[in-house]
Amino acid sequence: QIVDITAIKEAQKELELSEKSYKQL
């Protein structure tokens, strides 16, 4: 059984990038 979590993983990556940018600022 396969549950697609691609959208969740991509959202996590975007959040990590956003948090990294915030941390730098």
PDBML (XML) file of the C-alpha atoms, coordinates in Angstrom:
<?xml version="1.0" encoding="UTF-8" ?>
<PDBx:datablock datablockName="MODEL"
   xmlns:PDBx="http://pdbml.pdb.org/schema/pdbx-v50.xsd"
   xmlns:xsi="http://www.w3.org/2001/XMLSchema-instance"
   xsi:schemaLocation="http://pdbml.pdb.org/schema/pdbx-v50.xsd pdbx-v50.xsd">
   <PDBx:atom_siteCategory>
      <PDBx:atom_site id="1">
         <PDBx:B_iso_or_equiv>0.00</PDBx:B_iso_or_equiv>
         <PDBx:Cartn_x>0.000</PDBx:Cartn_x>
         <PDBx:Cartn_y>0.000</PDBx:Cartn_y>
         <PDBx:Cartn_z>0.000</PDBx:Cartn_z>
         <PDBx:auth_asym_id>A</PDBx:auth_asym_id>
         <PDBx:auth_atom_id>CA</PDBx:auth_atom_id>
         <PDBx:auth_comp_id>GLN</PDBx:auth_comp_id>
         <PDBx:auth_seq_id>1</PDBx:auth_seq_id>
         <PDBx:group_PDB>ATOM</PDBx:group_PDB>
         <PDBx:label_alt_id xsi:nil="true" />
         <PDBx:label_asym_id>A</PDBx:label_asym_id>
         <PDBx:label_atom_id>CA</PDBx:label_atom_id>
         <PDBx:label_comp_id>GLN</PDBx:label_comp_id>
         <PDBx:label_entity_id>1</PDBx:label_entity_id>
         <PDBx:label_seq_id>1</PDBx:label_seq_id>
         <PDBx:occupancy>1.00</PDBx:occupancy>
         <PDBx:pdbx_PDB_model_num>1</PDBx:pdbx_PDB_model_num>
         <PDBx:type_symbol>C</PDBx:type_symbol>
      </PDBx:atom_site>
      <PDBx:atom_site id="2">
         <PDBx:B_iso_or_equiv>0.00</PDBx:B_iso_or_equiv>
         <PDBx:Cartn_x>1.408</PDBx:Cartn_x>
         <PDBx:Cartn_y>3.373</PDBx:Cartn_y>
         <PDBx:Cartn_z>-1.087</PDBx:Cartn_z>
         <PDBx:auth_asym_id>A</PDBx:auth_asym_id>
         <PDBx:auth_atom_id>CA</PDBx:auth_atom_id>
         <PDBx:auth_comp_id>ILE</PDBx:auth_comp_id>
         <PDBx:auth_seq_id>2</PDBx:auth_seq_id>
         <PDBx:group_PDB>ATOM</PDBx:group_PDB>
         <PDBx:label_alt_id xsi:nil="true" />
         <PDBx:label_asym_id>A</PDBx:label_asym_id>
         <PDBx:label_atom_id>CA</PDBx:label_atom_id>
         <PDBx:label_comp_id>ILE</PDBx:label_comp_id>
         <PDBx:label_entity_id>1</PDBx:label_entity_id>
         <PDBx:label_seq_id>2</PDBx:label_seq_id>
         <PDBx:occupancy>1.00</PDBx:occupancy>
         <PDBx:pdbx_PDB_model_num>1</PDBx:pdbx_PDB_model_num>
         <PDBx:type_symbol>C</PDBx:type_symbol>
      </PDBx:atom_site>
      <PDBx:atom_site id="3">
         <PDBx:B_iso_or_equiv>0.00</PDBx:B_iso_or_equiv>
         <PDBx:Cartn_x>0.351</PDBx:Cartn_x>
         <PDBx:Cartn_y>6.758</PDBx:Cartn_y>
         <PDBx:Cartn_z>0.334</PDBx:Cartn_z>
         <PDBx:auth_asym_id>A</PDBx:auth_asym_id>
         <PDBx:auth_atom_id>CA</PDBx:auth_atom_id>
         <PDBx:auth_comp_id>VAL</PDBx:auth_comp_id>
         <PDBx:auth_seq_id>3</PDBx:auth_seq_id>
         <PDBx:group_PDB>ATOM</PDBx:group_PDB>
         <PDBx:label_alt_id xsi:nil="true" />
         <PDBx:label_asym_id>A</PDBx:label_asym_id>
         <PDBx:label_atom_id>CA</PDBx:label_atom_id>
         <PDBx:label_comp_id>VAL</PDBx:label_comp_id>
         <PDBx:label_entity_id>1</PDBx:label_entity_id>
         <PDBx:label_seq_id>3</PDBx:label_seq_id>
         <PDBx:occupancy>1.00</PDBx:occupancy>
         <PDBx:pdbx_PDB_model_num>1</PDBx:pdbx_PDB_model_num>
         <PDBx:type_symbol>C</PDBx:type_symbol>
      </PDBx:atom_site>
      <PDBx:atom_site id="4">
         <PDBx:B_iso_or_equiv>0.00</PDBx:B_iso_or_equiv>
         <PDBx:Cartn_x>1.660</PDBx:Cartn_x>
         <PDBx:Cartn_y>9.757</PDBx:Cartn_y>
         <PDBx:Cartn_z>-1.609</PDBx:Cartn_z>
         <PDBx:auth_asym_id>A</PDBx:auth_asym_id>
         <PDBx:auth_atom_id>CA</PDBx:auth_atom_id>
         <PDBx:auth_comp_id>ASP</PDBx:auth_comp_id>
         <PDBx:auth_seq_id>4</PDBx:auth_seq_id>
         <PDBx:group_PDB>ATOM</PDBx:group_PDB>
         <PDBx:label_alt_id xsi:nil="true" />
         <PDBx:label_asym_id>A</PDBx:label_asym_id>
         <PDBx:label_atom_id>CA</PDBx:label_atom_id>
         <PDBx:label_comp_id>ASP</PDBx:label_comp_id>
         <PDBx:label_entity_id>1</PDBx:label_entity_id>
         <PDBx:label_seq_id>4</PDBx:label_seq_id>
         <PDBx:occupancy>1.00</PDBx:occupancy>
         <PDBx:pdbx_PDB_model_num>1</PDBx:pdbx_PDB_model_num>
         <PDBx:type_symbol>C</PDBx:type_symbol>
      </PDBx:atom_site>
      <PDBx:atom_site id="5">
         <PDBx:B_iso_or_equiv>0.00</PDBx:B_iso_or_equiv>
         <PDBx:Cartn_x>3.338</PDBx:Cartn_x>
         <PDBx:Cartn_y>12.264</PDBx:Cartn_y>
         <PDBx:Cartn_z>0.766</PDBx:Cartn_z>
         <PDBx:auth_asym_id>A</PDBx:auth_asym_id>
         <PDBx:auth_atom_id>CA</PDBx:auth_atom_id>
         <PDBx:auth_comp_id>ILE</PDBx:auth_comp_id>
         <PDBx:auth_seq_id>5</PDBx:auth_seq_id>
         <PDBx:group_PDB>ATOM</PDBx:group_PDB>
         <PDBx:label_alt_id xsi:nil="true" />
         <PDBx:label_asym_id>A</PDBx:label_asym_id>
         <PDBx:label_atom_id>CA</PDBx:label_atom_id>
         <PDBx:label_comp_id>ILE</PDBx:label_comp_id>
         <PDBx:label_entity_id>1</PDBx:label_entity_id>
         <PDBx:label_seq_id>5</PDBx:label_seq_id>
         <PDBx:occupancy>1.00</PDBx:occupancy>
         <PDBx:pdbx_PDB_model_num>1</PDBx:pdbx_PDB_model_num>
         <PDBx:type_symbol>C</PDBx:type_symbol>
      </PDBx:atom_site>
      <PDBx:atom_site id="6">
         <PDBx:B_iso_or_equiv>0.00</PDBx:B_iso_or_equiv>
         <PDBx:Cartn_x>5.209</PDBx:Cartn_x>
         <PDBx:Cartn_y>14.269</PDBx:Cartn_y>
         <PDBx:Cartn_z>-1.889</PDBx:Cartn_z>
         <PDBx:auth_asym_id>A</PDBx:auth_asym_id>
         <PDBx:auth_atom_id>CA</PDBx:auth_atom_id>
         <PDBx:auth_comp_id>THR</PDBx:auth_comp_id>
         <PDBx:auth_seq_id>6</PDBx:auth_seq_id>
         <PDBx:group_PDB>ATOM</PDBx:group_PDB>
         <PDBx:label_alt_id xsi:nil="true" />
         <PDBx:label_asym_id>A</PDBx:label_asym_id>
         <PDBx:label_atom_id>CA</PDBx:label_atom_id>
         <PDBx:label_comp_id>THR</PDBx:label_comp_id>
         <PDBx:label_entity_id>1</PDBx:label_entity_id>
         <PDBx:label_seq_id>6</PDBx:label_seq_id>
         <PDBx:occupancy>1.00</PDBx:occupancy>
         <PDBx:pdbx_PDB_model_num>1</PDBx:pdbx_PDB_model_num>
         <PDBx:type_symbol>C</PDBx:type_symbol>
      </PDBx:atom_site>
      <PDBx:atom_site id="7">
         <PDBx:B_iso_or_equiv>0.00</PDBx:B_iso_or_equiv>
         <PDBx:Cartn_x>3.259</PDBx:Cartn_x>
         <PDBx:Cartn_y>17.471</PDBx:Cartn_y>
         <PDBx:Cartn_z>-1.186</PDBx:Cartn_z>
         <PDBx:auth_asym_id>A</PDBx:auth_asym_id>
         <PDBx:auth_atom_id>CA</PDBx:auth_atom_id>
         <PDBx:auth_comp_id>ALA</PDBx:auth_comp_id>
         <PDBx:auth_seq_id>7</PDBx:auth_seq_id>
         <PDBx:group_PDB>ATOM</PDBx:group_PDB>
         <PDBx:label_alt_id xsi:nil="true" />
         <PDBx:label_asym_id>A</PDBx:label_asym_id>
         <PDBx:label_atom_id>CA</PDBx:label_atom_id>
         <PDBx:label_comp_id>ALA</PDBx:label_comp_id>
         <PDBx:label_entity_id>1</PDBx:label_entity_id>
         <PDBx:label_seq_id>7</PDBx:label_seq_id>
         <PDBx:occupancy>1.00</PDBx:occupancy>
         <PDBx:pdbx_PDB_model_num>1</PDBx:pdbx_PDB_model_num>
         <PDBx:type_symbol>C</PDBx:type_symbol>
      </PDBx:atom_site>
      <PDBx:atom_site id="8">
         <PDBx:B_iso_or_equiv>0.00</PDBx:B_iso_or_equiv>
         <PDBx:Cartn_x>4.006</PDBx:Cartn_x>
         <PDBx:Cartn_y>17.157</PDBx:Cartn_y>
         <PDBx:Cartn_z>2.542</PDBx:Cartn_z>
         <PDBx:auth_asym_id>A</PDBx:auth_asym_id>
         <PDBx:auth_atom_id>CA</PDBx:auth_atom_id>
         <PDBx:auth_comp_id>ILE</PDBx:auth_comp_id>
         <PDBx:auth_seq_id>8</PDBx:auth_seq_id>
         <PDBx:group_PDB>ATOM</PDBx:group_PDB>
         <PDBx:label_alt_id xsi:nil="true" />
         <PDBx:label_asym_id>A</PDBx:label_asym_id>
         <PDBx:label_atom_id>CA</PDBx:label_atom_id>
         <PDBx:label_comp_id>ILE</PDBx:label_comp_id>
         <PDBx:label_entity_id>1</PDBx:label_entity_id>
         <PDBx:label_seq_id>8</PDBx:label_seq_id>
         <PDBx:occupancy>1.00</PDBx:occupancy>
         <PDBx:pdbx_PDB_model_num>1</PDBx:pdbx_PDB_model_num>
         <PDBx:type_symbol>C</PDBx:type_symbol>
      </PDBx:atom_site>
      <PDBx:atom_site id="9">
         <PDBx:B_iso_or_equiv>0.00</PDBx:B_iso_or_equiv>
         <PDBx:Cartn_x>7.734</PDBx:Cartn_x>
         <PDBx:Cartn_y>16.620</PDBx:Cartn_y>
         <PDBx:Cartn_z>1.922</PDBx:Cartn_z>
         <PDBx:auth_asym_id>A</PDBx:auth_asym_id>
         <PDBx:auth_atom_id>CA</PDBx:auth_atom_id>
         <PDBx:auth_comp_id>LYS</PDBx:auth_comp_id>
         <PDBx:auth_seq_id>9</PDBx:auth_seq_id>
         <PDBx:group_PDB>ATOM</PDBx:group_PDB>
         <PDBx:label_alt_id xsi:nil="true" />
         <PDBx:label_asym_id>A</PDBx:label_asym_id>
         <PDBx:label_atom_id>CA</PDBx:label_atom_id>
         <PDBx:label_comp_id>LYS</PDBx:label_comp_id>
         <PDBx:label_entity_id>1</PDBx:label_entity_id>
         <PDBx:label_seq_id>9</PDBx:label_seq_id>
         <PDBx:occupancy>1.00</PDBx:occupancy>
         <PDBx:pdbx_PDB_model_num>1</PDBx:pdbx_PDB_model_num>
         <PDBx:type_symbol>C</PDBx:type_symbol>
      </PDBx:atom_site>
      <PDBx:atom_site id="10">
         <PDBx:B_iso_or_equiv>0.00</PDBx:B_iso_or_equiv>
         <PDBx:Cartn_x>7.907</PDBx:Cartn_x>
         <PDBx:Cartn_y>19.586</PDBx:Cartn_y>
         <PDBx:Cartn_z>-0.453</PDBx:Cartn_z>
         <PDBx:auth_asym_id>A</PDBx:auth_asym_id>
         <PDBx:auth_atom_id>CA</PDBx:auth_atom_id>
         <PDBx:auth_comp_id>GLU</PDBx:auth_comp_id>
         <PDBx:auth_seq_id>10</PDBx:auth_seq_id>
         <PDBx:group_PDB>ATOM</PDBx:group_PDB>
         <PDBx:label_alt_id xsi:nil="true" />
         <PDBx:label_asym_id>A</PDBx:label_asym_id>
         <PDBx:label_atom_id>CA</PDBx:label_atom_id>
         <PDBx:label_comp_id>GLU</PDBx:label_comp_id>
         <PDBx:label_entity_id>1</PDBx:label_entity_id>
         <PDBx:label_seq_id>10</PDBx:label_seq_id>
         <PDBx:occupancy>1.00</PDBx:occupancy>
         <PDBx:pdbx_PDB_model_num>1</PDBx:pdbx_PDB_model_num>
         <PDBx:type_symbol>C</PDBx:type_symbol>
      </PDBx:atom_site>
      <PDBx:atom_site id="11">
         <PDBx:B_iso_or_equiv>0.00</PDBx:B_iso_or_equiv>
         <PDBx:Cartn_x>6.092</PDBx:Cartn_x>
         <PDBx:Cartn_y>21.798</PDBx:Cartn_y>
         <PDBx:Cartn_z>2.077</PDBx:Cartn_z>
         <PDBx:auth_asym_id>A</PDBx:auth_asym_id>
         <PDBx:auth_atom_id>CA</PDBx:auth_atom_id>
         <PDBx:auth_comp_id>ALA</PDBx:auth_comp_id>
         <PDBx:auth_seq_id>11</PDBx:auth_seq_id>
         <PDBx:group_PDB>ATOM</PDBx:group_PDB>
         <PDBx:label_alt_id xsi:nil="true" />
         <PDBx:label_asym_id>A</PDBx:label_asym_id>
         <PDBx:label_atom_id>CA</PDBx:label_atom_id>
         <PDBx:label_comp_id>ALA</PDBx:label_comp_id>
         <PDBx:label_entity_id>1</PDBx:label_entity_id>
         <PDBx:label_seq_id>11</PDBx:label_seq_id>
         <PDBx:occupancy>1.00</PDBx:occupancy>
         <PDBx:pdbx_PDB_model_num>1</PDBx:pdbx_PDB_model_num>
         <PDBx:type_symbol>C</PDBx:type_symbol>
      </PDBx:atom_site>
      <PDBx:atom_site id="12">
         <PDBx:B_iso_or_equiv>0.00</PDBx:B_iso_or_equiv>
         <PDBx:Cartn_x>8.574</PDBx:Cartn_x>
         <PDBx:Cartn_y>20.718</PDBx:Cartn_y>
         <PDBx:Cartn_z>4.748</PDBx:Cartn_z>
         <PDBx:auth_asym_id>A</PDBx:auth_asym_id>
         <PDBx:auth_atom_id>CA</PDBx:auth_atom_id>
         <PDBx:auth_comp_id>GLN</PDBx:auth_comp_id>
         <PDBx:auth_seq_id>12</PDBx:auth_seq_id>
         <PDBx:group_PDB>ATOM</PDBx:group_PDB>
         <PDBx:label_alt_id xsi:nil="true" />
         <PDBx:label_asym_id>A</PDBx:label_asym_id>
         <PDBx:label_atom_id>CA</PDBx:label_atom_id>
         <PDBx:label_comp_id>GLN</PDBx:label_comp_id>
         <PDBx:label_entity_id>1</PDBx:label_entity_id>
         <PDBx:label_seq_id>12</PDBx:label_seq_id>
         <PDBx:occupancy>1.00</PDBx:occupancy>
         <PDBx:pdbx_PDB_model_num>1</PDBx:pdbx_PDB_model_num>
         <PDBx:type_symbol>C</PDBx:type_symbol>
      </PDBx:atom_site>
      <PDBx:atom_site id="13">
         <PDBx:B_iso_or_equiv>0.00</PDBx:B_iso_or_equiv>
         <PDBx:Cartn_x>11.476</PDBx:Cartn_x>
         <PDBx:Cartn_y>21.670</PDBx:Cartn_y>
         <PDBx:Cartn_z>2.506</PDBx:Cartn_z>
         <PDBx:auth_asym_id>A</PDBx:auth_asym_id>
         <PDBx:auth_atom_id>CA</PDBx:auth_atom_id>
         <PDBx:auth_comp_id>LYS</PDBx:auth_comp_id>
         <PDBx:auth_seq_id>13</PDBx:auth_seq_id>
         <PDBx:group_PDB>ATOM</PDBx:group_PDB>
         <PDBx:label_alt_id xsi:nil="true" />
         <PDBx:label_asym_id>A</PDBx:label_asym_id>
         <PDBx:label_atom_id>CA</PDBx:label_atom_id>
         <PDBx:label_comp_id>LYS</PDBx:label_comp_id>
         <PDBx:label_entity_id>1</PDBx:label_entity_id>
         <PDBx:label_seq_id>13</PDBx:label_seq_id>
         <PDBx:occupancy>1.00</PDBx:occupancy>
         <PDBx:pdbx_PDB_model_num>1</PDBx:pdbx_PDB_model_num>
         <PDBx:type_symbol>C</PDBx:type_symbol>
      </PDBx:atom_site>
      <PDBx:atom_site id="14">
         <PDBx:B_iso_or_equiv>0.00</PDBx:B_iso_or_equiv>
         <PDBx:Cartn_x>9.960</PDBx:Cartn_x>
         <PDBx:Cartn_y>25.092</PDBx:Cartn_y>
         <PDBx:Cartn_z>1.808</PDBx:Cartn_z>
         <PDBx:auth_asym_id>A</PDBx:auth_asym_id>
         <PDBx:auth_atom_id>CA</PDBx:auth_atom_id>
         <PDBx:auth_comp_id>GLU</PDBx:auth_comp_id>
         <PDBx:auth_seq_id>14</PDBx:auth_seq_id>
         <PDBx:group_PDB>ATOM</PDBx:group_PDB>
         <PDBx:label_alt_id xsi:nil="true" />
         <PDBx:label_asym_id>A</PDBx:label_asym_id>
         <PDBx:label_atom_id>CA</PDBx:label_atom_id>
         <PDBx:label_comp_id>GLU</PDBx:label_comp_id>
         <PDBx:label_entity_id>1</PDBx:label_entity_id>
         <PDBx:label_seq_id>14</PDBx:label_seq_id>
         <PDBx:occupancy>1.00</PDBx:occupancy>
         <PDBx:pdbx_PDB_model_num>1</PDBx:pdbx_PDB_model_num>
         <PDBx:type_symbol>C</PDBx:type_symbol>
      </PDBx:atom_site>
      <PDBx:atom_site id="15">
         <PDBx:B_iso_or_equiv>0.00</PDBx:B_iso_or_equiv>
         <PDBx:Cartn_x>9.414</PDBx:Cartn_x>
         <PDBx:Cartn_y>25.620</PDBx:Cartn_y>
         <PDBx:Cartn_z>5.541</PDBx:Cartn_z>
         <PDBx:auth_asym_id>A</PDBx:auth_asym_id>
         <PDBx:auth_atom_id>CA</PDBx:auth_atom_id>
         <PDBx:auth_comp_id>LEU</PDBx:auth_comp_id>
         <PDBx:auth_seq_id>15</PDBx:auth_seq_id>
         <PDBx:group_PDB>ATOM</PDBx:group_PDB>
         <PDBx:label_alt_id xsi:nil="true" />
         <PDBx:label_asym_id>A</PDBx:label_asym_id>
         <PDBx:label_atom_id>CA</PDBx:label_atom_id>
         <PDBx:label_comp_id>LEU</PDBx:label_comp_id>
         <PDBx:label_entity_id>1</PDBx:label_entity_id>
         <PDBx:label_seq_id>15</PDBx:label_seq_id>
         <PDBx:occupancy>1.00</PDBx:occupancy>
         <PDBx:pdbx_PDB_model_num>1</PDBx:pdbx_PDB_model_num>
         <PDBx:type_symbol>C</PDBx:type_symbol>
      </PDBx:atom_site>
      <PDBx:atom_site id="16">
         <PDBx:B_iso_or_equiv>0.00</PDBx:B_iso_or_equiv>
         <PDBx:Cartn_x>13.010</PDBx:Cartn_x>
         <PDBx:Cartn_y>24.645</PDBx:Cartn_y>
         <PDBx:Cartn_z>6.283</PDBx:Cartn_z>
         <PDBx:auth_asym_id>A</PDBx:auth_asym_id>
         <PDBx:auth_atom_id>CA</PDBx:auth_atom_id>
         <PDBx:auth_comp_id>GLU</PDBx:auth_comp_id>
         <PDBx:auth_seq_id>16</PDBx:auth_seq_id>
         <PDBx:group_PDB>ATOM</PDBx:group_PDB>
         <PDBx:label_alt_id xsi:nil="true" />
         <PDBx:label_asym_id>A</PDBx:label_asym_id>
         <PDBx:label_atom_id>CA</PDBx:label_atom_id>
         <PDBx:label_comp_id>GLU</PDBx:label_comp_id>
         <PDBx:label_entity_id>1</PDBx:label_entity_id>
         <PDBx:label_seq_id>16</PDBx:label_seq_id>
         <PDBx:occupancy>1.00</PDBx:occupancy>
         <PDBx:pdbx_PDB_model_num>1</PDBx:pdbx_PDB_model_num>
         <PDBx:type_symbol>C</PDBx:type_symbol>
      </PDBx:atom_site>
      <PDBx:atom_site id="17">
         <PDBx:B_iso_or_equiv>0.00</PDBx:B_iso_or_equiv>
         <PDBx:Cartn_x>14.243</PDBx:Cartn_x>
         <PDBx:Cartn_y>27.143</PDBx:Cartn_y>
         <PDBx:Cartn_z>3.689</PDBx:Cartn_z>
         <PDBx:auth_asym_id>A</PDBx:auth_asym_id>
         <PDBx:auth_atom_id>CA</PDBx:auth_atom_id>
         <PDBx:auth_comp_id>LEU</PDBx:auth_comp_id>
         <PDBx:auth_seq_id>17</PDBx:auth_seq_id>
         <PDBx:group_PDB>ATOM</PDBx:group_PDB>
         <PDBx:label_alt_id xsi:nil="true" />
         <PDBx:label_asym_id>A</PDBx:label_asym_id>
         <PDBx:label_atom_id>CA</PDBx:label_atom_id>
         <PDBx:label_comp_id>LEU</PDBx:label_comp_id>
         <PDBx:label_entity_id>1</PDBx:label_entity_id>
         <PDBx:label_seq_id>17</PDBx:label_seq_id>
         <PDBx:occupancy>1.00</PDBx:occupancy>
         <PDBx:pdbx_PDB_model_num>1</PDBx:pdbx_PDB_model_num>
         <PDBx:type_symbol>C</PDBx:type_symbol>
      </PDBx:atom_site>
      <PDBx:atom_site id="18">
         <PDBx:B_iso_or_equiv>0.00</PDBx:B_iso_or_equiv>
         <PDBx:Cartn_x>11.960</PDBx:Cartn_x>
         <PDBx:Cartn_y>29.814</PDBx:Cartn_y>
         <PDBx:Cartn_z>5.109</PDBx:Cartn_z>
         <PDBx:auth_asym_id>A</PDBx:auth_asym_id>
         <PDBx:auth_atom_id>CA</PDBx:auth_atom_id>
         <PDBx:auth_comp_id>SER</PDBx:auth_comp_id>
         <PDBx:auth_seq_id>18</PDBx:auth_seq_id>
         <PDBx:group_PDB>ATOM</PDBx:group_PDB>
         <PDBx:label_alt_id xsi:nil="true" />
         <PDBx:label_asym_id>A</PDBx:label_asym_id>
         <PDBx:label_atom_id>CA</PDBx:label_atom_id>
         <PDBx:label_comp_id>SER</PDBx:label_comp_id>
         <PDBx:label_entity_id>1</PDBx:label_entity_id>
         <PDBx:label_seq_id>18</PDBx:label_seq_id>
         <PDBx:occupancy>1.00</PDBx:occupancy>
         <PDBx:pdbx_PDB_model_num>1</PDBx:pdbx_PDB_model_num>
         <PDBx:type_symbol>C</PDBx:type_symbol>
      </PDBx:atom_site>
      <PDBx:atom_site id="19">
         <PDBx:B_iso_or_equiv>0.00</PDBx:B_iso_or_equiv>
         <PDBx:Cartn_x>13.171</PDBx:Cartn_x>
         <PDBx:Cartn_y>29.142</PDBx:Cartn_y>
         <PDBx:Cartn_z>8.650</PDBx:Cartn_z>
         <PDBx:auth_asym_id>A</PDBx:auth_asym_id>
         <PDBx:auth_atom_id>CA</PDBx:auth_atom_id>
         <PDBx:auth_comp_id>GLU</PDBx:auth_comp_id>
         <PDBx:auth_seq_id>19</PDBx:auth_seq_id>
         <PDBx:group_PDB>ATOM</PDBx:group_PDB>
         <PDBx:label_alt_id xsi:nil="true" />
         <PDBx:label_asym_id>A</PDBx:label_asym_id>
         <PDBx:label_atom_id>CA</PDBx:label_atom_id>
         <PDBx:label_comp_id>GLU</PDBx:label_comp_id>
         <PDBx:label_entity_id>1</PDBx:label_entity_id>
         <PDBx:label_seq_id>19</PDBx:label_seq_id>
         <PDBx:occupancy>1.00</PDBx:occupancy>
         <PDBx:pdbx_PDB_model_num>1</PDBx:pdbx_PDB_model_num>
         <PDBx:type_symbol>C</PDBx:type_symbol>
      </PDBx:atom_site>
      <PDBx:atom_site id="20">
         <PDBx:B_iso_or_equiv>0.00</PDBx:B_iso_or_equiv>
         <PDBx:Cartn_x>16.776</PDBx:Cartn_x>
         <PDBx:Cartn_y>29.232</PDBx:Cartn_y>
         <PDBx:Cartn_z>7.471</PDBx:Cartn_z>
         <PDBx:auth_asym_id>A</PDBx:auth_asym_id>
         <PDBx:auth_atom_id>CA</PDBx:auth_atom_id>
         <PDBx:auth_comp_id>LYS</PDBx:auth_comp_id>
         <PDBx:auth_seq_id>20</PDBx:auth_seq_id>
         <PDBx:group_PDB>ATOM</PDBx:group_PDB>
         <PDBx:label_alt_id xsi:nil="true" />
         <PDBx:label_asym_id>A</PDBx:label_asym_id>
         <PDBx:label_atom_id>CA</PDBx:label_atom_id>
         <PDBx:label_comp_id>LYS</PDBx:label_comp_id>
         <PDBx:label_entity_id>1</PDBx:label_entity_id>
         <PDBx:label_seq_id>20</PDBx:label_seq_id>
         <PDBx:occupancy>1.00</PDBx:occupancy>
         <PDBx:pdbx_PDB_model_num>1</PDBx:pdbx_PDB_model_num>
         <PDBx:type_symbol>C</PDBx:type_symbol>
      </PDBx:atom_site>
      <PDBx:atom_site id="21">
         <PDBx:B_iso_or_equiv>0.00</PDBx:B_iso_or_equiv>
         <PDBx:Cartn_x>16.213</PDBx:Cartn_x>
         <PDBx:Cartn_y>32.615</PDBx:Cartn_y>
         <PDBx:Cartn_z>5.800</PDBx:Cartn_z>
         <PDBx:auth_asym_id>A</PDBx:auth_asym_id>
         <PDBx:auth_atom_id>CA</PDBx:auth_atom_id>
         <PDBx:auth_comp_id>SER</PDBx:auth_comp_id>
         <PDBx:auth_seq_id>21</PDBx:auth_seq_id>
         <PDBx:group_PDB>ATOM</PDBx:group_PDB>
         <PDBx:label_alt_id xsi:nil="true" />
         <PDBx:label_asym_id>A</PDBx:label_asym_id>
         <PDBx:label_atom_id>CA</PDBx:label_atom_id>
         <PDBx:label_comp_id>SER</PDBx:label_comp_id>
         <PDBx:label_entity_id>1</PDBx:label_entity_id>
         <PDBx:label_seq_id>21</PDBx:label_seq_id>
         <PDBx:occupancy>1.00</PDBx:occupancy>
         <PDBx:pdbx_PDB_model_num>1</PDBx:pdbx_PDB_model_num>
         <PDBx:type_symbol>C</PDBx:type_symbol>
      </PDBx:atom_site>
      <PDBx:atom_site id="22">
         <PDBx:B_iso_or_equiv>0.00</PDBx:B_iso_or_equiv>
         <PDBx:Cartn_x>14.488</PDBx:Cartn_x>
         <PDBx:Cartn_y>33.954</PDBx:Cartn_y>
         <PDBx:Cartn_z>8.905</PDBx:Cartn_z>
         <PDBx:auth_asym_id>A</PDBx:auth_asym_id>
         <PDBx:auth_atom_id>CA</PDBx:auth_atom_id>
         <PDBx:auth_comp_id>TYR</PDBx:auth_comp_id>
         <PDBx:auth_seq_id>22</PDBx:auth_seq_id>
         <PDBx:group_PDB>ATOM</PDBx:group_PDB>
         <PDBx:label_alt_id xsi:nil="true" />
         <PDBx:label_asym_id>A</PDBx:label_asym_id>
         <PDBx:label_atom_id>CA</PDBx:label_atom_id>
         <PDBx:label_comp_id>TYR</PDBx:label_comp_id>
         <PDBx:label_entity_id>1</PDBx:label_entity_id>
         <PDBx:label_seq_id>22</PDBx:label_seq_id>
         <PDBx:occupancy>1.00</PDBx:occupancy>
         <PDBx:pdbx_PDB_model_num>1</PDBx:pdbx_PDB_model_num>
         <PDBx:type_symbol>C</PDBx:type_symbol>
      </PDBx:atom_site>
      <PDBx:atom_site id="23">
         <PDBx:B_iso_or_equiv>0.00</PDBx:B_iso_or_equiv>
         <PDBx:Cartn_x>17.326</PDBx:Cartn_x>
         <PDBx:Cartn_y>32.710</PDBx:Cartn_y>
         <PDBx:Cartn_z>11.118</PDBx:Cartn_z>
         <PDBx:auth_asym_id>A</PDBx:auth_asym_id>
         <PDBx:auth_atom_id>CA</PDBx:auth_atom_id>
         <PDBx:auth_comp_id>LYS</PDBx:auth_comp_id>
         <PDBx:auth_seq_id>23</PDBx:auth_seq_id>
         <PDBx:group_PDB>ATOM</PDBx:group_PDB>
         <PDBx:label_alt_id xsi:nil="true" />
         <PDBx:label_asym_id>A</PDBx:label_asym_id>
         <PDBx:label_atom_id>CA</PDBx:label_atom_id>
         <PDBx:label_comp_id>LYS</PDBx:label_comp_id>
         <PDBx:label_entity_id>1</PDBx:label_entity_id>
         <PDBx:label_seq_id>23</PDBx:label_seq_id>
         <PDBx:occupancy>1.00</PDBx:occupancy>
         <PDBx:pdbx_PDB_model_num>1</PDBx:pdbx_PDB_model_num>
         <PDBx:type_symbol>C</PDBx:type_symbol>
      </PDBx:atom_site>
      <PDBx:atom_site id="24">
         <PDBx:B_iso_or_equiv>0.00</PDBx:B_iso_or_equiv>
         <PDBx:Cartn_x>19.908</PDBx:Cartn_x>
         <PDBx:Cartn_y>34.419</PDBx:Cartn_y>
         <PDBx:Cartn_z>8.943</PDBx:Cartn_z>
         <PDBx:auth_asym_id>A</PDBx:auth_asym_id>
         <PDBx:auth_atom_id>CA</PDBx:auth_atom_id>
         <PDBx:auth_comp_id>GLN</PDBx:auth_comp_id>
         <PDBx:auth_seq_id>24</PDBx:auth_seq_id>
         <PDBx:group_PDB>ATOM</PDBx:group_PDB>
         <PDBx:label_alt_id xsi:nil="true" />
         <PDBx:label_asym_id>A</PDBx:label_asym_id>
         <PDBx:label_atom_id>CA</PDBx:label_atom_id>
         <PDBx:label_comp_id>GLN</PDBx:label_comp_id>
         <PDBx:label_entity_id>1</PDBx:label_entity_id>
         <PDBx:label_seq_id>24</PDBx:label_seq_id>
         <PDBx:occupancy>1.00</PDBx:occupancy>
         <PDBx:pdbx_PDB_model_num>1</PDBx:pdbx_PDB_model_num>
         <PDBx:type_symbol>C</PDBx:type_symbol>
      </PDBx:atom_site>
      <PDBx:atom_site id="25">
         <PDBx:B_iso_or_equiv>0.00</PDBx:B_iso_or_equiv>
         <PDBx:Cartn_x>18.017</PDBx:Cartn_x>
         <PDBx:Cartn_y>37.739</PDBx:Cartn_y>
         <PDBx:Cartn_z>9.074</PDBx:Cartn_z>
         <PDBx:auth_asym_id>A</PDBx:auth_asym_id>
         <PDBx:auth_atom_id>CA</PDBx:auth_atom_id>
         <PDBx:auth_comp_id>LEU</PDBx:auth_comp_id>
         <PDBx:auth_seq_id>25</PDBx:auth_seq_id>
         <PDBx:group_PDB>ATOM</PDBx:group_PDB>
         <PDBx:label_alt_id xsi:nil="true" />
         <PDBx:label_asym_id>A</PDBx:label_asym_id>
         <PDBx:label_atom_id>CA</PDBx:label_atom_id>
         <PDBx:label_comp_id>LEU</PDBx:label_comp_id>
         <PDBx:label_entity_id>1</PDBx:label_entity_id>
         <PDBx:label_seq_id>25</PDBx:label_seq_id>
         <PDBx:occupancy>1.00</PDBx:occupancy>
         <PDBx:pdbx_PDB_model_num>1</PDBx:pdbx_PDB_model_num>
         <PDBx:type_symbol>C</PDBx:type_symbol>
      </PDBx:atom_site>
   </PDBx:atom_siteCategory>
</PDBx:datablock>
